[in-house]
Amino acid sequence: MKILFISSWFPNKLEPTNGNFVQRHAEAVASLHEVEILHAIGDPAQDQEFIFDDQKINGIRTLIVYYKSSKNPVLNFRNRMQAYQKGFLELQKPDLVHANILHNSMFFAVYLKEKYRIPFVVSEHWSGFLPINRSKLSFIGILTARYVARRASCLLPVSAILMDNLKELKIGKNFKVIGNVVNTELFSPEKKENKTFTFLHVSNLIPLKNPDAIIDAVVRLRKDFKNFDLQIGGDGDVERLNKLIEKHDGKSYIKTFGEISHAEVAEKMKKSDCFVLFSDYESFSCVLLESLSSGVPVIATRVGAIPEIIGENYGIVIEKSEEELYTAMKNMLNGNYKADSPEELHQYVVEKFSVSAIANEFNQVYKNII
């Protein structure tokens, strides 16, 4: 089939990592079908009304239309819809549209259905529908999501908890949970040679990821154990963390790093012994599954989809408590917790979240609609 991916978020020159999980979904589907990607995003620094960035990325034709953004939200929305329309005319007519994230950009999927009779599905990834963020949801945002979802052939939330919350908000009727994709070839176990136990944390280092609490737990752990270190970093404010580490005199055992490539993340995971995620909320967590696929057990908070994807032999799931975080890290370090073997952890991810597993799940949905 010819499948067109459109998304409210997608990697672009202004936001290089935004919505990269959508890109991975598209790449998985491209293993079975002919896929094109269309995205529109406003650039406030742009003079021209529209700029077309048309290229092949990882074998998929990807057309990003940059439009001149406006501070007027109505004008901005109009410009975005025009950018989508102009981009669509440059592409093949698809058999089905695979939309992503129920924001007002996905009105374009509704437009394509009404004008060209092209059915569409929507993958939903957004943690904004979870109870912890519910107070920030606008009434217009909920109405928008309901309007788009009602016209979709199927809603595809990435986790069961997200599906339950969409149902609670009366958003959508037909559901199938299909998770995010893990590159199980890139993230694979490797024999470790390091004698020092390594904890790893990779994120955008924003407050909801609580990197400070992870550092505090490691500083406390250092009083009782010496033969370990923490690697912590990502595409966030590393300098602020460096000051905190310096304050604790922890530079000898806490190492930071800035934004790194997906391949570099895989290398760090292969060399680590435990991945730590102490988030306030998650709608899904690709990074935990990438760690498991690398044969590395995890410590993570009992939020969002994490209890769905992390079984008791895959790591330690804790409440949002700094005391529990410290205890879990201590149990990992002193060998009181035994996870499945690296090969078993990897196989679990291959069976549930690999490119072929997710591609086959989407394929079943597409076949039922077309």
Protein backbone atom coordinates (compact mmCIF):
# COMPACT_ATOMS: atom_id res chain seq x y z
CA MET A 1 0.00 0.00 0.00
CA LYS A 2 0.93 3.66 -0.30
CA ILE A 3 0.96 5.13 3.23
CA LEU A 4 1.36 8.84 3.99
CA PHE A 5 2.62 9.75 7.47
CA ILE A 6 1.71 13.18 8.82
CA SER A 7 2.36 14.34 12.36
CA SER A 8 1.93 17.25 14.74
CA TRP A 9 5.56 16.63 15.76
CA PHE A 10 8.39 15.49 13.53
CA PRO A 11 12.18 16.02 13.46
CA ASN A 12 13.11 19.18 11.54
CA LYS A 13 15.85 21.84 11.38
CA LEU A 14 14.23 23.81 14.23
CA GLU A 15 13.57 20.78 16.48
CA PRO A 16 15.93 17.96 15.41
CA THR A 17 14.67 15.32 17.86
CA ASN A 18 11.00 16.31 18.21
CA GLY A 19 8.77 13.35 17.33
CA ASN A 20 11.63 11.04 16.36
CA PHE A 21 9.42 8.13 17.55
CA VAL A 22 7.04 8.99 14.67
CA GLN A 23 9.94 8.75 12.23
CA ARG A 24 10.75 5.28 13.62
CA HIS A 25 7.12 4.19 13.16
CA ALA A 26 7.28 5.35 9.54
CA GLU A 27 10.54 3.48 8.97
CA ALA A 28 9.01 0.30 10.40
CA VAL A 29 5.98 0.57 8.10
CA ALA A 30 8.33 1.22 5.16
CA SER A 31 9.67 -2.32 5.60
CA LEU A 32 6.29 -3.56 4.29
CA HIS A 33 4.72 -0.66 2.36
CA GLU A 34 5.57 2.38 0.24
CA VAL A 35 5.80 5.29 2.68
CA GLU A 36 6.07 9.05 2.27
CA ILE A 37 6.24 11.61 5.09
CA LEU A 38 4.77 15.12 5.07
CA HIS A 39 5.28 17.68 7.85
CA ALA A 40 4.58 21.41 8.10
CA ILE A 41 6.17 23.73 10.65
CA GLY A 42 6.37 27.49 11.11
CA ASP A 43 9.70 29.32 11.10
CA PRO A 44 9.52 32.83 12.62
CA ALA A 45 12.87 33.79 11.04
CA GLN A 46 11.70 32.93 7.52
CA ASP A 47 11.07 35.64 4.89
CA GLN A 48 9.53 33.45 2.18
CA GLU A 49 5.97 32.30 2.61
CA PHE A 50 6.90 28.62 2.05
CA ILE A 51 10.17 26.69 1.80
CA PHE A 52 10.12 23.04 0.65
CA ASP A 53 12.71 20.67 2.10
CA ASP A 54 12.26 17.50 0.02
CA GLN A 55 14.75 14.70 0.67
CA LYS A 56 15.14 10.97 1.23
CA ILE A 57 15.83 10.18 4.87
CA ASN A 58 16.65 6.55 5.70
CA GLY A 59 15.15 5.57 2.35
CA ILE A 60 11.84 7.43 2.83
CA ARG A 61 10.79 10.49 0.86
CA THR A 62 10.35 13.15 3.54
CA LEU A 63 8.86 16.52 2.62
CA ILE A 64 8.97 19.22 5.28
CA VAL A 65 7.27 22.48 4.36
CA TYR A 66 8.43 25.46 6.40
CA TYR A 67 5.93 28.31 6.44
CA LYS A 68 6.34 31.88 7.67
CA SER A 69 4.88 31.68 11.17
CA SER A 70 2.71 34.37 12.68
CA LYS A 71 1.98 35.44 16.26
CA ASN A 72 -1.69 35.41 15.32
CA PRO A 73 -2.82 31.80 16.06
CA VAL A 74 -5.62 31.88 13.46
CA LEU A 75 -3.28 33.13 10.73
CA ASN A 76 -0.64 30.65 11.84
CA PHE A 77 -3.09 27.75 11.59
CA ARG A 78 -4.18 28.88 8.12
CA ASN A 79 -0.54 29.05 6.97
CA ARG A 80 0.10 25.55 8.34
CA MET A 81 -2.90 24.08 6.52
CA GLN A 82 -1.79 25.78 3.30
CA ALA A 83 1.71 24.34 3.78
CA TYR A 84 0.22 20.85 4.18
CA GLN A 85 -1.96 21.30 1.08
CA LYS A 86 0.94 22.49 -1.06
CA GLY A 87 3.13 19.65 0.19
CA PHE A 88 0.44 17.03 -0.43
CA LEU A 89 0.17 18.05 -4.10
CA GLU A 90 3.87 17.21 -4.51
CA LEU A 91 3.39 13.63 -3.26
CA GLN A 92 1.63 10.46 -4.46
CA LYS A 93 -2.00 9.99 -3.55
CA PRO A 94 -1.92 7.49 -0.66
CA ASP A 95 -4.21 4.56 0.07
CA LEU A 96 -4.22 5.51 3.74
CA VAL A 97 -2.98 8.36 5.93
CA HIS A 98 -1.23 7.56 9.19
CA ALA A 99 -1.65 10.67 11.35
CA ASN A 100 0.10 11.29 14.66
CA ILE A 101 -0.86 13.25 17.77
CA LEU A 102 -4.37 14.66 18.10
CA HIS A 103 -3.54 18.36 17.82
CA ASN A 104 -5.19 20.75 15.38
CA SER A 105 -2.56 20.01 12.69
CA MET A 106 -4.39 16.71 12.18
CA PHE A 107 -7.41 18.57 10.81
CA PHE A 108 -5.47 18.02 7.60
CA ALA A 109 -6.13 14.26 7.86
CA VAL A 110 -9.86 15.03 8.15
CA TYR A 111 -9.60 17.33 5.09
CA LEU A 112 -7.97 14.55 3.04
CA LYS A 113 -10.66 12.10 4.07
CA GLU A 114 -13.47 14.46 3.09
CA LYS A 115 -11.93 15.73 -0.16
CA TYR A 116 -10.25 12.57 -1.49
CA ARG A 117 -11.96 9.80 0.54
CA ILE A 118 -8.62 8.68 1.97
CA PRO A 119 -9.14 6.90 5.31
CA PHE A 120 -6.83 7.68 8.21
CA VAL A 121 -5.64 6.25 11.51
CA VAL A 122 -4.06 8.20 14.37
CA SER A 123 -1.19 7.08 16.57
CA GLU A 124 -1.33 8.89 19.91
CA HIS A 125 1.81 9.48 21.97
CA TRP A 126 1.03 12.57 24.03
CA SER A 127 1.32 12.46 27.83
CA GLY A 128 -0.96 15.52 27.99
CA PHE A 129 -3.97 13.16 28.20
CA LEU A 130 -2.66 11.48 31.38
CA PRO A 131 -4.30 12.48 34.71
CA ILE A 132 -1.16 14.25 36.00
CA ASN A 133 -1.39 16.73 33.08
CA ARG A 134 -5.17 16.87 32.78
CA SER A 135 -5.43 20.32 34.40
CA LYS A 136 -3.36 21.81 31.56
CA LEU A 137 -5.68 20.42 28.86
CA SER A 138 -7.80 23.16 27.30
CA PHE A 139 -11.47 22.61 26.46
CA ILE A 140 -10.65 23.48 22.82
CA GLY A 141 -7.82 20.92 22.86
CA ILE A 142 -10.20 18.18 24.03
CA LEU A 143 -12.84 19.15 21.44
CA THR A 144 -10.17 19.12 18.71
CA ALA A 145 -8.99 15.65 19.75
CA ARG A 146 -12.59 14.35 19.83
CA TYR A 147 -13.38 15.83 16.41
CA VAL A 148 -10.33 14.28 14.70
CA ALA A 149 -10.62 10.94 16.54
CA ARG A 150 -14.30 10.57 15.63
CA ARG A 151 -13.40 10.69 11.95
CA ALA A 152 -10.44 8.32 12.19
CA SER A 153 -10.87 4.65 11.29
CA CYS A 154 -8.83 3.62 14.31
CA LEU A 155 -6.97 5.22 17.22
CA LEU A 156 -3.57 3.67 18.02
CA PRO A 157 -2.33 4.80 21.46
CA VAL A 158 1.18 3.65 22.35
CA SER A 159 0.10 2.25 25.74
CA ALA A 160 -2.95 0.80 27.47
CA ILE A 161 -2.94 3.54 30.10
CA LEU A 162 -3.06 6.17 27.35
CA MET A 163 -5.96 4.29 25.71
CA ASP A 164 -7.84 4.20 29.04
CA ASN A 165 -7.42 7.95 29.47
CA LEU A 166 -8.57 8.67 25.91
CA LYS A 167 -11.69 6.58 26.59
CA GLU A 168 -12.25 8.44 29.86
CA LEU A 169 -12.12 11.74 27.94
CA LYS A 170 -14.51 10.32 25.30
CA ILE A 171 -11.85 10.66 22.60
CA GLY A 172 -12.24 7.96 19.93
CA LYS A 173 -14.16 4.67 19.69
CA ASN A 174 -12.04 2.06 17.86
CA PHE A 175 -8.70 1.37 19.57
CA LYS A 176 -5.65 -0.81 19.23
CA VAL A 177 -2.57 -0.34 21.40
CA ILE A 178 0.63 -0.36 19.33
CA GLY A 179 3.83 0.67 21.10
CA ASN A 180 6.86 2.55 19.89
CA VAL A 181 9.67 0.99 17.88
CA VAL A 182 13.08 -0.09 19.15
CA ASN A 183 15.97 -0.68 16.75
CA THR A 184 16.91 -4.08 18.18
CA GLU A 185 19.87 -4.39 15.82
CA LEU A 186 21.43 -1.16 17.04
CA PHE A 187 20.49 -1.81 20.67
CA SER A 188 21.85 -5.29 21.33
CA PRO A 189 23.79 -6.89 24.19
CA GLU A 190 27.56 -6.76 24.23
CA LYS A 191 30.00 -8.50 26.54
CA LYS A 192 31.11 -5.99 29.19
CA GLU A 193 34.74 -5.57 30.11
CA ASN A 194 34.40 -2.74 32.63
CA LYS A 195 34.90 -3.67 36.28
CA THR A 196 33.26 -0.50 37.55
CA PHE A 197 29.46 -0.71 37.87
CA THR A 198 27.90 2.01 35.69
CA PHE A 199 24.50 3.65 36.13
CA LEU A 200 23.24 5.53 33.06
CA HIS A 201 20.63 8.26 32.55
CA VAL A 202 19.90 9.83 29.14
CA SER A 203 17.11 12.39 28.63
CA ASN A 204 16.44 16.03 27.80
CA LEU A 205 17.23 16.71 31.49
CA ILE A 206 14.07 18.76 32.07
CA PRO A 207 12.57 18.96 35.60
CA LEU A 208 10.03 16.17 35.05
CA LYS A 209 12.95 13.75 34.47
CA ASN A 210 14.39 14.75 37.90
CA PRO A 211 18.10 14.44 37.05
CA ASP A 212 18.99 16.29 40.30
CA ALA A 213 17.34 13.54 42.39
CA ILE A 214 19.36 10.88 40.53
CA ILE A 215 22.58 12.80 41.31
CA ASP A 216 21.56 13.18 44.97
CA ALA A 217 20.94 9.41 45.25
CA VAL A 218 24.35 8.67 43.70
CA VAL A 219 26.11 11.08 46.08
CA ARG A 220 24.44 9.34 49.01
CA LEU A 221 25.34 5.92 47.58
CA ARG A 222 28.98 6.94 47.30
CA LYS A 223 29.26 7.08 51.08
CA ASP A 224 28.83 3.29 51.24
CA PHE A 225 30.11 2.09 47.83
CA LYS A 226 33.15 3.18 45.82
CA ASN A 227 33.30 0.89 42.77
CA PHE A 228 30.63 2.56 40.62
CA ASP A 229 29.95 5.66 38.57
CA LEU A 230 27.04 7.53 36.97
CA GLN A 231 26.93 8.68 33.35
CA ILE A 232 24.25 11.36 32.94
CA GLY A 233 23.43 13.64 30.02
CA GLY A 234 21.44 14.39 26.89
CA ASP A 235 20.05 17.34 24.95
CA GLY A 236 19.44 19.57 27.97
CA ASP A 237 21.13 21.88 30.46
CA VAL A 238 24.27 19.92 31.24
CA GLU A 239 26.07 22.98 32.62
CA ARG A 240 23.56 23.28 35.46
CA LEU A 241 24.17 19.64 36.35
CA ASN A 242 27.94 20.21 36.28
CA LYS A 243 27.55 22.94 38.92
CA LEU A 244 25.46 20.61 41.09
CA ILE A 245 28.06 17.83 40.74
CA GLU A 246 30.86 20.26 41.60
CA LYS A 247 28.94 21.37 44.68
CA HIS A 248 28.84 17.72 45.83
CA ASP A 249 32.50 17.20 44.87
CA GLY A 250 31.33 14.35 42.62
CA LYS A 251 33.31 14.91 39.41
CA SER A 252 35.42 11.80 39.94
CA TYR A 253 32.42 9.43 39.77
CA ILE A 254 29.65 11.42 38.01
CA LYS A 255 30.35 12.05 34.32
CA THR A 256 28.14 14.27 32.15
CA PHE A 257 27.71 14.43 28.37
CA GLY A 258 25.75 16.63 25.97
CA GLU A 259 23.48 15.75 23.06
CA ILE A 260 24.61 12.54 21.37
CA SER A 261 23.44 10.48 18.39
CA HIS A 262 21.19 7.43 18.61
CA ALA A 263 24.20 5.21 17.83
CA GLU A 264 26.20 6.85 20.64
CA VAL A 265 23.31 6.25 23.06
CA ALA A 266 23.40 2.56 22.05
CA GLU A 267 27.14 2.40 22.77
CA LYS A 268 26.69 3.95 26.21
CA MET A 269 23.88 1.52 27.02
CA LYS A 270 25.93 -1.52 26.00
CA LYS A 271 28.70 -0.43 28.38
CA SER A 272 26.39 0.31 31.33
CA ASP A 273 24.99 -2.00 34.01
CA CYS A 274 21.71 -0.27 34.92
CA PHE A 275 19.60 2.48 33.34
CA VAL A 276 17.84 4.89 35.73
CA LEU A 277 14.65 6.84 34.88
CA PHE A 278 13.05 8.86 37.70
CA SER A 279 10.30 10.65 35.73
CA ASP A 280 7.16 12.33 37.06
CA TYR A 281 5.22 10.88 34.12
CA GLU A 282 5.68 9.02 30.81
CA SER A 283 3.12 8.06 28.15
CA PHE A 284 5.64 5.46 26.94
CA SER A 285 9.39 5.10 27.35
CA CYS A 286 11.49 4.15 24.34
CA VAL A 287 14.68 4.66 26.31
CA LEU A 288 13.80 1.94 28.85
CA LEU A 289 13.12 -0.55 26.07
CA GLU A 290 16.35 0.44 24.32
CA SER A 291 18.17 -0.33 27.56
CA LEU A 292 16.48 -3.75 27.88
CA SER A 293 17.24 -4.44 24.22
CA SER A 294 20.90 -3.73 25.08
CA GLY A 295 20.66 -6.38 27.79
CA VAL A 296 20.69 -3.82 30.61
CA PRO A 297 18.09 -3.86 33.45
CA VAL A 298 16.41 -0.64 34.57
CA ILE A 299 15.17 1.31 37.57
CA ALA A 300 12.07 3.38 36.77
CA THR A 301 9.14 5.09 38.45
CA ARG A 302 5.68 3.51 38.47
CA VAL A 303 4.15 6.10 36.13
CA GLY A 304 2.33 5.99 32.80
CA ALA A 305 3.07 2.92 30.68
CA ILE A 306 6.17 1.88 32.64
CA PRO A 307 4.43 -0.87 34.69
CA GLU A 308 3.04 -2.23 31.39
CA ILE A 309 6.44 -2.65 29.75
CA ILE A 310 8.77 -3.42 32.68
CA GLY A 311 8.19 -6.88 34.15
CA GLU A 312 9.65 -7.90 37.51
CA ASN A 313 12.61 -9.63 35.85
CA TYR A 314 13.45 -6.61 33.70
CA GLY A 315 14.24 -4.15 36.46
CA ILE A 316 12.96 -2.45 39.60
CA VAL A 317 9.81 -0.32 39.34
CA ILE A 318 9.56 2.14 42.24
CA GLU A 319 7.19 4.76 43.56
CA LYS A 320 8.12 8.42 43.06
CA SER A 321 10.26 8.40 46.21
CA GLU A 322 13.91 9.42 46.55
CA GLU A 323 14.28 6.86 49.34
CA GLU A 324 13.02 4.09 47.00
CA LEU A 325 15.37 5.32 44.27
CA TYR A 326 18.34 5.12 46.62
CA THR A 327 17.33 1.62 47.84
CA ALA A 328 16.81 0.33 44.29
CA MET A 329 20.21 1.62 43.16
CA LYS A 330 21.79 0.05 46.25
CA ASN A 331 20.11 -3.31 45.49
CA MET A 332 21.36 -3.19 41.90
CA LEU A 333 24.86 -2.33 43.04
CA ASN A 334 25.24 -4.94 45.77
CA GLY A 335 23.70 -7.74 43.67
CA ASN A 336 20.53 -8.17 45.73
CA TYR A 337 18.44 -7.84 42.56
CA LYS A 338 18.84 -10.38 39.74
CA ALA A 339 17.36 -9.57 36.34
CA ASP A 340 16.87 -11.92 33.41
CA SER A 341 19.96 -12.55 31.31
CA PRO A 342 20.98 -9.91 28.72
CA GLU A 343 19.86 -12.29 25.95
CA GLU A 344 16.42 -12.76 27.54
CA LEU A 345 15.96 -9.00 28.01
CA HIS A 346 16.88 -8.43 24.37
CA GLN A 347 14.54 -11.17 23.13
CA TYR A 348 11.59 -9.67 25.02
CA VAL A 349 12.03 -6.39 23.12
CA VAL A 350 12.55 -8.16 19.78
CA GLU A 351 9.25 -10.01 20.16
CA LYS A 352 7.19 -6.99 21.26
CA PHE A 353 8.78 -3.77 19.95
CA SER A 354 11.19 -4.54 17.09
CA VAL A 355 10.75 -3.06 13.61
CA SER A 356 9.15 -6.27 12.30
CA ALA A 357 6.85 -6.71 15.33
CA ILE A 358 5.47 -3.14 15.14
CA ALA A 359 5.30 -3.18 11.32
CA ASN A 360 3.17 -6.34 11.43
CA GLU A 361 0.81 -4.80 13.99
CA PHE A 362 0.27 -1.72 11.83
CA ASN A 363 -0.12 -3.91 8.76
CA GLN A 364 -3.04 -5.78 10.37
CA VAL A 365 -4.78 -2.46 11.12
CA TYR A 366 -4.23 -1.16 7.58
CA LYS A 367 -5.53 -4.38 6.00
CA ASN A 368 -8.71 -4.23 8.10
CA ILE A 369 -9.38 -0.69 6.84
CA ILE A 370 -8.41 -0.87 3.16
